[in-house]
Amino acid sequence: MGFLILGVMALLITAGLFVYCLPRDGKLHRFVDTEFEPYVAVVIVTGVALSFALGLSGVIALMGGR
């Protein structure tokens, strides 16, 4: 159950980070057109992958897999 909760929390944090990085009021995020721009995408994709891995692990544990 703990892994499932951690997976949902990681997904919510990643979604919040993604929404925070979206353009607002016609202004782009400060990392756009810098050397850090590709790393932001890597962090977001890693957060999604981690949340799905934790969530799947939690579901398997709840089903009696381990």
Protein backbone atom coordinates (compact mmCIF):
# COMPACT_ATOMS: atom_id res chain seq x y z
CA MET A 1 0.00 0.00 0.00
CA GLY A 2 2.89 2.32 0.76
CA PHE A 3 4.35 2.05 -2.76
CA LEU A 4 0.97 2.88 -4.28
CA ILE A 5 0.65 6.00 -2.13
CA LEU A 6 4.22 7.03 -2.96
CA GLY A 7 3.50 6.52 -6.67
CA VAL A 8 0.42 8.74 -6.54
CA MET A 9 2.34 11.39 -4.60
CA ALA A 10 5.21 11.31 -7.11
CA LEU A 11 2.72 11.67 -9.98
CA LEU A 12 1.06 14.65 -8.30
CA ILE A 13 4.40 16.35 -7.66
CA THR A 14 5.48 15.74 -11.26
CA ALA A 15 2.18 17.08 -12.60
CA GLY A 16 2.56 20.16 -10.41
CA LEU A 17 6.08 20.71 -11.71
CA PHE A 18 4.86 20.37 -15.28
CA VAL A 19 2.05 22.89 -14.75
CA TYR A 20 4.52 25.26 -13.05
CA CYS A 21 6.77 25.14 -16.12
CA LEU A 22 3.99 26.07 -18.57
CA PRO A 23 3.96 29.60 -20.03
CA ARG A 24 1.94 32.17 -18.09
CA ASP A 25 0.84 35.67 -19.06
CA GLY A 26 2.74 35.43 -22.34
CA LYS A 27 6.05 34.77 -20.55
CA LEU A 28 8.09 31.61 -20.96
CA HIS A 29 9.70 29.78 -18.08
CA ARG A 30 13.17 30.99 -17.14
CA PHE A 31 14.81 27.71 -18.27
CA VAL A 32 13.64 28.13 -21.87
CA ASP A 33 16.52 28.82 -24.28
CA THR A 34 19.15 27.98 -21.68
CA GLU A 35 21.49 25.02 -21.29
CA PHE A 36 19.14 23.59 -18.62
CA GLU A 37 16.13 23.22 -20.94
CA PRO A 38 16.72 19.55 -21.87
CA TYR A 39 17.22 18.60 -18.23
CA VAL A 40 13.77 19.87 -17.30
CA ALA A 41 12.24 17.40 -19.75
CA VAL A 42 14.41 14.60 -18.34
CA VAL A 43 13.26 15.39 -14.79
CA ILE A 44 9.58 15.38 -15.80
CA VAL A 45 9.86 12.10 -17.74
CA THR A 46 11.80 10.52 -14.87
CA GLY A 47 9.12 11.59 -12.40
CA VAL A 48 6.37 10.04 -14.52
CA ALA A 49 8.33 6.79 -14.94
CA LEU A 50 9.10 6.62 -11.22
CA SER A 51 5.48 7.22 -10.27
CA PHE A 52 4.23 4.49 -12.60
CA ALA A 53 6.86 2.03 -11.36
CA LEU A 54 5.97 2.72 -7.72
CA GLY A 55 2.25 2.55 -8.45
CA LEU A 56 2.55 -0.73 -10.31
CA SER A 57 4.68 -2.19 -7.55
CA GLY A 58 2.04 -1.15 -5.02
CA VAL A 59 -0.78 -2.70 -7.05
CA ILE A 60 1.13 -5.96 -7.41
CA ALA A 61 1.78 -6.02 -3.66
CA LEU A 62 -1.91 -5.42 -2.95
CA MET A 63 -2.87 -8.30 -5.22
CA GLY A 64 -0.71 -10.62 -3.14
CA GLY A 65 2.29 -10.75 -5.43
CA ARG A 66 4.74 -10.36 -2.59
